[in-house]
Amino acid sequence: MAAPRSRRLASALVPAAPYLWLVAFFLVPFGIVLKISLSDPATAQPPYRPLLDLSGGVGGVRDFLAGLDLETFSTLLGDSLYVDAALSSLRIAMVATILLLLVGYPLAYSMARAPAGWRPVLLALVILPFWTSFLIRVYAWIGILRPEGYLNAALLWLGLVDQPLQILNTETAVFIGLTYAYLPFMVLPLYATLERLDRTLIDAALDLGATPIRAFWTVTAPLSLPGVIAGSLLCFIPIVGEFVVPDLLGGSETLMIGRTLWSEFFSNRDWPLASAVAVVLLVILVVPIVLFREAEARRTEAGR
């Protein structure tokens, strides 16, 4: 009897494991951040009030709940700085995702069409940057993009410019850094989708008189759409909250929500307002995920 009971318990725990993981590493931390966002800043440790005191019993819980309010969210929505930071982050993330798609799709397509023996090597070259610290790789771009850096030296040597270009501390440098840093996240799902495509469909389109370009747009592009969506989400979502690249490569006018969040936490020590920014950012990022799931559900239903 003990063995069947243990098997039933194990079979029940296996599907429950993802939900337990979600509760422990997402819902509980999000609940803590949400609670801080409903608190008021205080010159104390921790720098917010109220705090939950269970020793006070029901009265302590009642006082704790009475001290929570939406004042930080009203401050957040009423200040143009945070609205502009959110809109700027969405704009930069969208442009960077488009650039990543323009660079990553031809790269993934070439990898998928390469001889089978070369594909593991090409895949390893794409993953190779992950072996180096992300921070070090971004710092390397400072040496490349600064006025006396390698890029300007090459442009001057080739005679393409008469004086060094001011690339560092601009949005252009941010887009370059983001495209470089997140390129593997775009290439890998695209490669996985393109590598599994049935080549006979393309051959059939060519046999029916389609040109290679038309065969690509009518066969390859639609079938690779799941990889495009997955890669775009993998890049767009973290770029919206990116801090390192805009802080190191962008100028003071490069406004992104990640830098604003860091400033509120560590410079102003306004944890409630910073937590409210984090909650709003999470809500903004949940929207594309929900839309993607809805599109995938519709596509699955249509394929049945």
C-alpha atoms as a PDB file:
ATOM      1  CA  MET A   1       0.000   0.000   0.000  1.00  0.00           C
ATOM      2  CA  ALA A   2       2.863   2.336   0.783  1.00  0.00           C
ATOM      3  CA  ALA A   3       4.340   2.060  -2.685  1.00  0.00           C
ATOM      4  CA  PRO A   4       1.127   2.935  -4.591  1.00  0.00           C
ATOM      5  CA  ARG A   5       0.513   5.825  -2.176  1.00  0.00           C
ATOM      6  CA  SER A   6       4.002   7.193  -2.750  1.00  0.00           C
ATOM      7  CA  ARG A   7       3.537   6.890  -6.505  1.00  0.00           C
ATOM      8  CA  ARG A   8       0.256   8.772  -6.311  1.00  0.00           C
ATOM      9  CA  LEU A   9       1.945  11.455  -4.226  1.00  0.00           C
ATOM     10  CA  ALA A  10       4.806  11.702  -6.737  1.00  0.00           C
ATOM     11  CA  SER A  11       2.378  11.885  -9.669  1.00  0.00           C
ATOM     12  CA  ALA A  12       0.549  14.717  -7.887  1.00  0.00           C
ATOM     13  CA  LEU A  13       3.742  16.637  -7.074  1.00  0.00           C
ATOM     14  CA  VAL A  14       5.125  16.541 -10.628  1.00  0.00           C
ATOM     15  CA  PRO A  15       2.419  18.803 -12.158  1.00  0.00           C
ATOM     16  CA  ALA A  16       2.388  20.911  -8.986  1.00  0.00           C
ATOM     17  CA  ALA A  17       6.144  21.655  -9.170  1.00  0.00           C
ATOM     18  CA  PRO A  18       5.847  24.481 -11.762  1.00  0.00           C
ATOM     19  CA  TYR A  19       3.107  26.153  -9.731  1.00  0.00           C
ATOM     20  CA  LEU A  20       5.161  25.896  -6.534  1.00  0.00           C
ATOM     21  CA  TRP A  21       8.105  27.432  -8.405  1.00  0.00           C
ATOM     22  CA  LEU A  22       5.847  30.229  -9.674  1.00  0.00           C
ATOM     23  CA  VAL A  23       4.517  30.946  -6.205  1.00  0.00           C
ATOM     24  CA  ALA A  24       7.949  30.902  -4.531  1.00  0.00           C
ATOM     25  CA  PHE A  25       9.916  32.914  -7.088  1.00  0.00           C
ATOM     26  CA  PHE A  26       7.282  35.177  -8.658  1.00  0.00           C
ATOM     27  CA  LEU A  27       4.088  35.630  -6.654  1.00  0.00           C
ATOM     28  CA  VAL A  28       5.747  35.965  -3.230  1.00  0.00           C
ATOM     29  CA  PRO A  29       8.411  38.503  -4.407  1.00  0.00           C
ATOM     30  CA  PHE A  30       5.758  40.364  -6.391  1.00  0.00           C
ATOM     31  CA  GLY A  31       3.541  40.483  -3.293  1.00  0.00           C
ATOM     32  CA  ILE A  32       6.397  42.005  -1.304  1.00  0.00           C
ATOM     33  CA  VAL A  33       7.075  44.626  -3.994  1.00  0.00           C
ATOM     34  CA  LEU A  34       3.358  45.397  -4.266  1.00  0.00           C
ATOM     35  CA  LYS A  35       3.128  45.859  -0.497  1.00  0.00           C
ATOM     36  CA  ILE A  36       6.093  48.264  -0.512  1.00  0.00           C
ATOM     37  CA  SER A  37       4.509  50.218  -3.380  1.00  0.00           C
ATOM     38  CA  LEU A  38       1.411  50.766  -1.220  1.00  0.00           C
ATOM     39  CA  SER A  39       3.487  52.039   1.698  1.00  0.00           C
ATOM     40  CA  ASP A  40       4.811  55.503   2.547  1.00  0.00           C
ATOM     41  CA  PRO A  41       8.494  56.510   2.528  1.00  0.00           C
ATOM     42  CA  ALA A  42      10.129  56.895   5.917  1.00  0.00           C
ATOM     43  CA  THR A  43      13.524  57.901   7.268  1.00  0.00           C
ATOM     44  CA  ALA A  44      14.110  54.572   8.927  1.00  0.00           C
ATOM     45  CA  GLN A  45      15.299  51.066   8.247  1.00  0.00           C
ATOM     46  CA  PRO A  46      13.591  49.736   6.188  1.00  0.00           C
ATOM     47  CA  PRO A  47      12.756  53.076   4.536  1.00  0.00           C
ATOM     48  CA  TYR A  48       8.979  52.601   4.367  1.00  0.00           C
ATOM     49  CA  ARG A  49       5.976  52.328   6.656  1.00  0.00           C
ATOM     50  CA  PRO A  50       3.781  50.599   7.778  1.00  0.00           C
ATOM     51  CA  LEU A  51       5.369  47.320   8.826  1.00  0.00           C
ATOM     52  CA  LEU A  52       3.359  44.216   9.645  1.00  0.00           C
ATOM     53  CA  ASP A  53       3.576  43.415  13.356  1.00  0.00           C
ATOM     54  CA  LEU A  54       1.939  40.064  14.061  1.00  0.00           C
ATOM     55  CA  SER A  55       2.531  40.448  17.786  1.00  0.00           C
ATOM     56  CA  GLY A  56      -0.299  43.005  17.831  1.00  0.00           C
ATOM     57  CA  GLY A  57      -2.823  40.390  16.798  1.00  0.00           C
ATOM     58  CA  VAL A  58      -5.886  41.361  14.774  1.00  0.00           C
ATOM     59  CA  GLY A  59      -5.506  45.014  15.746  1.00  0.00           C
ATOM     60  CA  GLY A  60      -1.957  45.078  14.402  1.00  0.00           C
ATOM     61  CA  VAL A  61      -3.086  43.598  11.088  1.00  0.00           C
ATOM     62  CA  ARG A  62      -5.950  46.121  10.922  1.00  0.00           C
ATOM     63  CA  ASP A  63      -3.573  49.040  11.534  1.00  0.00           C
ATOM     64  CA  PHE A  64      -1.185  47.646   8.931  1.00  0.00           C
ATOM     65  CA  LEU A  65      -3.888  47.423   6.249  1.00  0.00           C
ATOM     66  CA  ALA A  66      -5.176  50.898   7.153  1.00  0.00           C
ATOM     67  CA  GLY A  67      -1.694  52.336   6.524  1.00  0.00           C
ATOM     68  CA  LEU A  68      -1.574  51.118   2.906  1.00  0.00           C
ATOM     69  CA  ASP A  69      -2.696  53.518   0.182  1.00  0.00           C
ATOM     70  CA  LEU A  70      -2.334  54.328  -3.522  1.00  0.00           C
ATOM     71  CA  GLU A  71      -0.520  57.635  -2.994  1.00  0.00           C
ATOM     72  CA  THR A  72       2.691  56.455  -4.691  1.00  0.00           C
ATOM     73  CA  PHE A  73       0.766  55.404  -7.814  1.00  0.00           C
ATOM     74  CA  SER A  74      -0.993  58.766  -7.996  1.00  0.00           C
ATOM     75  CA  THR A  75       2.400  60.467  -7.665  1.00  0.00           C
ATOM     76  CA  LEU A  76       3.796  58.185 -10.356  1.00  0.00           C
ATOM     77  CA  LEU A  77       1.036  58.893 -12.854  1.00  0.00           C
ATOM     78  CA  GLY A  78       1.015  62.608 -12.085  1.00  0.00           C
ATOM     79  CA  ASP A  79       4.735  63.122 -12.723  1.00  0.00           C
ATOM     80  CA  SER A  80       5.682  63.440 -16.386  1.00  0.00           C
ATOM     81  CA  LEU A  81       9.182  62.100 -15.659  1.00  0.00           C
ATOM     82  CA  TYR A  82       7.946  58.567 -15.076  1.00  0.00           C
ATOM     83  CA  VAL A  83       5.455  58.661 -17.940  1.00  0.00           C
ATOM     84  CA  ASP A  84       8.173  59.911 -20.301  1.00  0.00           C
ATOM     85  CA  ALA A  85      10.598  57.256 -19.003  1.00  0.00           C
ATOM     86  CA  ALA A  86       8.057  54.495 -19.638  1.00  0.00           C
ATOM     87  CA  LEU A  87       7.234  55.743 -23.139  1.00  0.00           C
ATOM     88  CA  SER A  88      10.918  56.224 -23.963  1.00  0.00           C
ATOM     89  CA  SER A  89      11.708  52.699 -22.751  1.00  0.00           C
ATOM     90  CA  LEU A  90       8.950  51.238 -24.922  1.00  0.00           C
ATOM     91  CA  ARG A  91      10.164  53.226 -27.937  1.00  0.00           C
ATOM     92  CA  ILE A  92      13.799  52.218 -27.498  1.00  0.00           C
ATOM     93  CA  ALA A  93      12.845  48.582 -26.880  1.00  0.00           C
ATOM     94  CA  MET A  94      10.673  48.517 -29.998  1.00  0.00           C
ATOM     95  CA  VAL A  95      13.353  50.050 -32.232  1.00  0.00           C
ATOM     96  CA  ALA A  96      16.023  47.763 -30.779  1.00  0.00           C
ATOM     97  CA  THR A  97      13.809  44.707 -31.338  1.00  0.00           C
ATOM     98  CA  ILE A  98      13.291  45.688 -34.983  1.00  0.00           C
ATOM     99  CA  LEU A  99      17.054  46.120 -35.415  1.00  0.00           C
ATOM    100  CA  LEU A 100      17.640  42.749 -33.776  1.00  0.00           C
ATOM    101  CA  LEU A 101      15.144  41.145 -36.139  1.00  0.00           C
ATOM    102  CA  LEU A 102      16.770  42.757 -39.181  1.00  0.00           C
ATOM    103  CA  VAL A 103      20.192  41.495 -38.108  1.00  0.00           C
ATOM    104  CA  GLY A 104      19.177  38.216 -36.504  1.00  0.00           C
ATOM    105  CA  TYR A 105      16.850  36.812 -39.173  1.00  0.00           C
ATOM    106  CA  PRO A 106      19.428  36.694 -42.017  1.00  0.00           C
ATOM    107  CA  LEU A 107      21.981  35.271 -39.569  1.00  0.00           C
ATOM    108  CA  ALA A 108      19.608  32.548 -38.341  1.00  0.00           C
ATOM    109  CA  TYR A 109      18.481  31.804 -41.911  1.00  0.00           C
ATOM    110  CA  SER A 110      22.078  31.416 -43.075  1.00  0.00           C
ATOM    111  CA  MET A 111      22.826  29.113 -40.135  1.00  0.00           C
ATOM    112  CA  ALA A 112      19.774  26.964 -40.881  1.00  0.00           C
ATOM    113  CA  ARG A 113      20.738  26.685 -44.580  1.00  0.00           C
ATOM    114  CA  ALA A 114      24.405  25.949 -43.870  1.00  0.00           C
ATOM    115  CA  PRO A 115      25.757  22.391 -44.278  1.00  0.00           C
ATOM    116  CA  ALA A 116      24.798  20.131 -41.371  1.00  0.00           C
ATOM    117  CA  GLY A 117      28.403  19.785 -40.251  1.00  0.00           C
ATOM    118  CA  TRP A 118      28.837  23.524 -39.875  1.00  0.00           C
ATOM    119  CA  ARG A 119      25.669  24.182 -37.872  1.00  0.00           C
ATOM    120  CA  PRO A 120      27.009  23.162 -34.431  1.00  0.00           C
ATOM    121  CA  VAL A 121      30.046  25.384 -34.959  1.00  0.00           C
ATOM    122  CA  LEU A 122      27.921  28.356 -36.011  1.00  0.00           C
ATOM    123  CA  LEU A 123      25.579  27.780 -33.085  1.00  0.00           C
ATOM    124  CA  ALA A 124      28.544  27.703 -30.697  1.00  0.00           C
ATOM    125  CA  LEU A 125      29.811  30.998 -32.122  1.00  0.00           C
ATOM    126  CA  VAL A 126      26.443  32.612 -31.408  1.00  0.00           C
ATOM    127  CA  ILE A 127      26.459  31.309 -27.823  1.00  0.00           C
ATOM    128  CA  LEU A 128      30.147  32.125 -27.284  1.00  0.00           C
ATOM    129  CA  PRO A 129      29.573  35.715 -26.007  1.00  0.00           C
ATOM    130  CA  PHE A 130      27.629  34.271 -23.051  1.00  0.00           C
ATOM    131  CA  TRP A 131      30.923  32.877 -21.753  1.00  0.00           C
ATOM    132  CA  THR A 132      32.072  36.435 -21.003  1.00  0.00           C
ATOM    133  CA  SER A 133      30.567  38.726 -18.393  1.00  0.00           C
ATOM    134  CA  PHE A 134      27.770  40.902 -19.751  1.00  0.00           C
ATOM    135  CA  LEU A 135      29.218  43.939 -17.966  1.00  0.00           C
ATOM    136  CA  ILE A 136      32.676  43.421 -19.473  1.00  0.00           C
ATOM    137  CA  ARG A 137      31.200  43.116 -22.967  1.00  0.00           C
ATOM    138  CA  VAL A 138      29.319  46.393 -22.564  1.00  0.00           C
ATOM    139  CA  TYR A 139      32.440  48.102 -21.189  1.00  0.00           C
ATOM    140  CA  ALA A 140      34.314  46.927 -24.292  1.00  0.00           C
ATOM    141  CA  TRP A 141      31.931  48.965 -26.430  1.00  0.00           C
ATOM    142  CA  ILE A 142      33.029  52.105 -24.594  1.00  0.00           C
ATOM    143  CA  GLY A 143      36.529  51.571 -25.965  1.00  0.00           C
ATOM    144  CA  ILE A 144      35.120  50.987 -29.439  1.00  0.00           C
ATOM    145  CA  LEU A 145      32.648  53.892 -29.621  1.00  0.00           C
ATOM    146  CA  ARG A 146      34.437  56.712 -27.803  1.00  0.00           C
ATOM    147  CA  PRO A 147      35.847  59.561 -29.967  1.00  0.00           C
ATOM    148  CA  GLU A 148      39.383  58.177 -29.781  1.00  0.00           C
ATOM    149  CA  GLY A 149      38.164  54.562 -29.970  1.00  0.00           C
ATOM    150  CA  TYR A 150      38.667  51.854 -32.542  1.00  0.00           C
ATOM    151  CA  LEU A 151      35.596  52.648 -34.638  1.00  0.00           C
ATOM    152  CA  ASN A 152      36.525  56.295 -35.168  1.00  0.00           C
ATOM    153  CA  ALA A 153      40.141  55.316 -35.808  1.00  0.00           C
ATOM    154  CA  ALA A 154      39.009  52.925 -38.552  1.00  0.00           C
ATOM    155  CA  LEU A 155      36.672  55.508 -40.097  1.00  0.00           C
ATOM    156  CA  LEU A 156      39.428  58.147 -40.118  1.00  0.00           C
ATOM    157  CA  TRP A 157      41.933  55.697 -41.591  1.00  0.00           C
ATOM    158  CA  LEU A 158      39.481  54.775 -44.373  1.00  0.00           C
ATOM    159  CA  GLY A 159      38.829  58.459 -45.057  1.00  0.00           C
ATOM    160  CA  LEU A 160      35.088  58.131 -44.472  1.00  0.00           C
ATOM    161  CA  VAL A 161      35.061  60.981 -41.918  1.00  0.00           C
ATOM    162  CA  ASP A 162      37.170  64.079 -41.382  1.00  0.00           C
ATOM    163  CA  GLN A 163      36.842  64.166 -37.596  1.00  0.00           C
ATOM    164  CA  PRO A 164      35.809  61.666 -34.902  1.00  0.00           C
ATOM    165  CA  LEU A 165      32.099  61.021 -34.583  1.00  0.00           C
ATOM    166  CA  GLN A 166      30.326  61.499 -31.260  1.00  0.00           C
ATOM    167  CA  ILE A 167      28.698  58.078 -30.903  1.00  0.00           C
ATOM    168  CA  LEU A 168      29.245  57.321 -27.231  1.00  0.00           C
ATOM    169  CA  ASN A 169      26.676  58.786 -24.807  1.00  0.00           C
ATOM    170  CA  THR A 170      23.982  58.909 -27.481  1.00  0.00           C
ATOM    171  CA  GLU A 171      20.939  56.801 -28.304  1.00  0.00           C
ATOM    172  CA  THR A 172      22.860  55.414 -31.272  1.00  0.00           C
ATOM    173  CA  ALA A 173      25.361  53.857 -28.873  1.00  0.00           C
ATOM    174  CA  VAL A 174      22.468  52.431 -26.832  1.00  0.00           C
ATOM    175  CA  PHE A 175      20.975  50.788 -29.927  1.00  0.00           C
ATOM    176  CA  ILE A 176      24.373  49.371 -30.891  1.00  0.00           C
ATOM    177  CA  GLY A 177      24.903  47.969 -27.395  1.00  0.00           C
ATOM    178  CA  LEU A 178      21.402  46.511 -27.173  1.00  0.00           C
ATOM    179  CA  THR A 179      21.635  44.913 -30.619  1.00  0.00           C
ATOM    180  CA  TYR A 180      24.949  43.311 -29.743  1.00  0.00           C
ATOM    181  CA  ALA A 181      23.930  42.193 -26.244  1.00  0.00           C
ATOM    182  CA  TYR A 182      20.576  40.640 -27.156  1.00  0.00           C
ATOM    183  CA  LEU A 183      21.384  39.231 -30.590  1.00  0.00           C
ATOM    184  CA  PRO A 184      21.701  35.595 -29.370  1.00  0.00           C
ATOM    185  CA  PHE A 185      18.214  35.811 -27.826  1.00  0.00           C
ATOM    186  CA  MET A 186      16.841  36.661 -31.256  1.00  0.00           C
ATOM    187  CA  VAL A 187      18.950  34.236 -33.282  1.00  0.00           C
ATOM    188  CA  LEU A 188      18.426  31.084 -31.207  1.00  0.00           C
ATOM    189  CA  PRO A 189      14.598  30.821 -31.426  1.00  0.00           C
ATOM    190  CA  LEU A 190      14.702  31.881 -35.081  1.00  0.00           C
ATOM    191  CA  TYR A 191      17.319  29.236 -35.855  1.00  0.00           C
ATOM    192  CA  ALA A 192      15.323  26.565 -34.013  1.00  0.00           C
ATOM    193  CA  THR A 193      12.250  27.393 -36.107  1.00  0.00           C
ATOM    194  CA  LEU A 194      14.017  27.757 -39.459  1.00  0.00           C
ATOM    195  CA  GLU A 195      16.095  24.615 -38.978  1.00  0.00           C
ATOM    196  CA  ARG A 196      12.929  22.521 -38.581  1.00  0.00           C
ATOM    197  CA  LEU A 197      11.238  23.866 -41.729  1.00  0.00           C
ATOM    198  CA  ASP A 198      10.291  21.273 -44.332  1.00  0.00           C
ATOM    199  CA  ARG A 199      12.524  22.059 -47.317  1.00  0.00           C
ATOM    200  CA  THR A 200      10.205  20.180 -49.661  1.00  0.00           C
ATOM    201  CA  LEU A 201       7.630  22.970 -49.304  1.00  0.00           C
ATOM    202  CA  ILE A 202      10.113  25.490 -50.691  1.00  0.00           C
ATOM    203  CA  ASP A 203      11.097  23.084 -53.468  1.00  0.00           C
ATOM    204  CA  ALA A 204       7.427  22.643 -54.320  1.00  0.00           C
ATOM    205  CA  ALA A 205       6.930  26.408 -54.518  1.00  0.00           C
ATOM    206  CA  LEU A 206       9.934  26.720 -56.831  1.00  0.00           C
ATOM    207  CA  ASP A 207       8.689  23.862 -59.000  1.00  0.00           C
ATOM    208  CA  LEU A 208       5.332  25.629 -59.333  1.00  0.00           C
ATOM    209  CA  GLY A 209       7.040  28.685 -60.806  1.00  0.00           C
ATOM    210  CA  ALA A 210       7.651  30.884 -57.759  1.00  0.00           C
ATOM    211  CA  THR A 211      10.840  32.908 -57.661  1.00  0.00           C
ATOM    212  CA  PRO A 212      13.164  32.361 -54.679  1.00  0.00           C
ATOM    213  CA  ILE A 213      12.078  35.694 -53.183  1.00  0.00           C
ATOM    214  CA  ARG A 214       8.376  34.881 -53.583  1.00  0.00           C
ATOM    215  CA  ALA A 215       8.938  31.398 -52.168  1.00  0.00           C
ATOM    216  CA  PHE A 216      10.584  32.978 -49.147  1.00  0.00           C
ATOM    217  CA  TRP A 217       7.722  35.417 -48.489  1.00  0.00           C
ATOM    218  CA  THR A 218       4.943  32.901 -49.124  1.00  0.00           C
ATOM    219  CA  VAL A 219       6.468  29.819 -47.449  1.00  0.00           C
ATOM    220  CA  THR A 220       9.465  30.530 -45.216  1.00  0.00           C
ATOM    221  CA  ALA A 221       8.354  33.810 -43.647  1.00  0.00           C
ATOM    222  CA  PRO A 222       4.880  32.629 -42.516  1.00  0.00           C
ATOM    223  CA  LEU A 223       6.225  29.328 -41.156  1.00  0.00           C
ATOM    224  CA  SER A 224       8.984  31.124 -39.234  1.00  0.00           C
ATOM    225  CA  LEU A 225       6.528  33.512 -37.572  1.00  0.00           C
ATOM    226  CA  PRO A 226       6.517  31.601 -34.220  1.00  0.00           C
ATOM    227  CA  GLY A 227      10.297  32.033 -34.009  1.00  0.00           C
ATOM    228  CA  VAL A 228       9.982  35.715 -34.887  1.00  0.00           C
ATOM    229  CA  ILE A 229       7.420  36.255 -32.128  1.00  0.00           C
ATOM    230  CA  ALA A 230       9.381  34.251 -29.556  1.00  0.00           C
ATOM    231  CA  GLY A 231      12.657  36.026 -30.345  1.00  0.00           C
ATOM    232  CA  SER A 232      10.988  39.442 -30.329  1.00  0.00           C
ATOM    233  CA  LEU A 233       9.444  38.834 -26.913  1.00  0.00           C
ATOM    234  CA  LEU A 234      12.705  37.449 -25.517  1.00  0.00           C
ATOM    235  CA  CYS A 235      14.392  40.707 -26.558  1.00  0.00           C
ATOM    236  CA  PHE A 236      11.653  43.306 -26.088  1.00  0.00           C
ATOM    237  CA  ILE A 237      10.681  42.371 -22.526  1.00  0.00           C
ATOM    238  CA  PRO A 238      14.139  42.630 -20.874  1.00  0.00           C
ATOM    239  CA  ILE A 239      15.162  45.626 -23.003  1.00  0.00           C
ATOM    240  CA  VAL A 240      12.273  47.679 -21.596  1.00  0.00           C
ATOM    241  CA  GLY A 241      13.772  47.373 -18.119  1.00  0.00           C
ATOM    242  CA  GLU A 242      17.414  47.467 -19.235  1.00  0.00           C
ATOM    243  CA  PHE A 243      19.769  49.453 -17.002  1.00  0.00           C
ATOM    244  CA  VAL A 244      23.394  48.537 -17.768  1.00  0.00           C
ATOM    245  CA  VAL A 245      23.514  49.405 -21.488  1.00  0.00           C
ATOM    246  CA  PRO A 246      21.786  52.820 -21.298  1.00  0.00           C
ATOM    247  CA  ASP A 247      23.732  53.729 -18.149  1.00  0.00           C
ATOM    248  CA  LEU A 248      27.154  52.950 -19.648  1.00  0.00           C
ATOM    249  CA  LEU A 249      26.618  53.822 -23.317  1.00  0.00           C
ATOM    250  CA  GLY A 250      23.764  56.335 -23.223  1.00  0.00           C
ATOM    251  CA  GLY A 251      23.970  59.975 -22.354  1.00  0.00           C
ATOM    252  CA  SER A 252      22.176  61.855 -19.604  1.00  0.00           C
ATOM    253  CA  GLU A 253      19.254  62.480 -21.953  1.00  0.00           C
ATOM    254  CA  THR A 254      18.749  58.751 -22.614  1.00  0.00           C
ATOM    255  CA  LEU A 255      15.704  58.234 -20.421  1.00  0.00           C
ATOM    256  CA  MET A 256      14.738  54.659 -19.610  1.00  0.00           C
ATOM    257  CA  ILE A 257      12.644  53.212 -16.835  1.00  0.00           C
ATOM    258  CA  GLY A 258      15.492  50.987 -15.599  1.00  0.00           C
ATOM    259  CA  ARG A 259      17.703  53.996 -14.828  1.00  0.00           C
ATOM    260  CA  THR A 260      14.763  55.766 -13.167  1.00  0.00           C
ATOM    261  CA  LEU A 261      14.094  52.697 -11.044  1.00  0.00           C
ATOM    262  CA  TRP A 262      17.731  52.499  -9.945  1.00  0.00           C
ATOM    263  CA  SER A 263      17.784  56.201  -9.099  1.00  0.00           C
ATOM    264  CA  GLU A 264      14.688  55.934  -6.900  1.00  0.00           C
ATOM    265  CA  PHE A 265      15.999  52.904  -5.049  1.00  0.00           C
ATOM    266  CA  PHE A 266      19.632  53.856  -4.470  1.00  0.00           C
ATOM    267  CA  SER A 267      19.881  57.642  -4.876  1.00  0.00           C
ATOM    268  CA  ASN A 268      16.583  58.935  -3.509  1.00  0.00           C
ATOM    269  CA  ARG A 269      15.920  55.870  -1.318  1.00  0.00           C
ATOM    270  CA  ASP A 270      12.228  56.181  -2.103  1.00  0.00           C
ATOM    271  CA  TRP A 271      11.436  52.473  -2.035  1.00  0.00           C
ATOM    272  CA  PRO A 272       7.633  52.840  -2.284  1.00  0.00           C
ATOM    273  CA  LEU A 273       7.869  54.957  -5.437  1.00  0.00           C
ATOM    274  CA  ALA A 274      10.510  52.663  -6.947  1.00  0.00           C
ATOM    275  CA  SER A 275       8.335  49.641  -6.164  1.00  0.00           C
ATOM    276  CA  ALA A 276       5.367  51.360  -7.823  1.00  0.00           C
ATOM    277  CA  VAL A 277       7.516  51.894 -10.926  1.00  0.00           C
ATOM    278  CA  ALA A 278       8.420  48.186 -10.873  1.00  0.00           C
ATOM    279  CA  VAL A 279       4.751  47.163 -10.564  1.00  0.00           C
ATOM    280  CA  VAL A 280       3.694  49.393 -13.460  1.00  0.00           C
ATOM    281  CA  LEU A 281       6.615  48.086 -15.541  1.00  0.00           C
ATOM    282  CA  LEU A 282       5.531  44.507 -14.862  1.00  0.00           C
ATOM    283  CA  VAL A 283       1.961  45.281 -15.903  1.00  0.00           C
ATOM    284  CA  ILE A 284       3.242  46.855 -19.137  1.00  0.00           C
ATOM    285  CA  LEU A 285       5.353  43.786 -19.918  1.00  0.00           C
ATOM    286  CA  VAL A 286       2.567  41.319 -19.151  1.00  0.00           C
ATOM    287  CA  VAL A 287       0.484  42.739 -22.033  1.00  0.00           C
ATOM    288  CA  PRO A 288       2.691  41.415 -24.900  1.00  0.00           C
ATOM    289  CA  ILE A 289       2.975  38.037 -23.153  1.00  0.00           C
ATOM    290  CA  VAL A 290      -0.823  37.739 -22.907  1.00  0.00           C
ATOM    291  CA  LEU A 291      -1.204  38.793 -26.554  1.00  0.00           C
ATOM    292  CA  PHE A 292       1.383  36.201 -27.596  1.00  0.00           C
ATOM    293  CA  ARG A 293      -0.395  33.441 -25.665  1.00  0.00           C
ATOM    294  CA  GLU A 294      -3.717  34.414 -27.233  1.00  0.00           C
ATOM    295  CA  ALA A 295      -2.182  34.366 -30.720  1.00  0.00           C
ATOM    296  CA  GLU A 296      -0.567  30.979 -30.062  1.00  0.00           C
ATOM    297  CA  ALA A 297      -3.863  29.595 -28.771  1.00  0.00           C
ATOM    298  CA  ARG A 298      -5.692  30.803 -31.885  1.00  0.00           C
ATOM    299  CA  ARG A 299      -2.984  29.373 -34.132  1.00  0.00           C
ATOM    300  CA  THR A 300      -3.158  26.015 -32.358  1.00  0.00           C
ATOM    301  CA  GLU A 301      -6.932  25.906 -32.676  1.00  0.00           C
ATOM    302  CA  ALA A 302      -6.752  26.793 -36.359  1.00  0.00           C
ATOM    303  CA  GLY A 303      -4.239  24.021 -36.966  1.00  0.00           C
ATOM    304  CA  ARG A 304      -6.509  21.314 -35.534  1.00  0.00           C
END
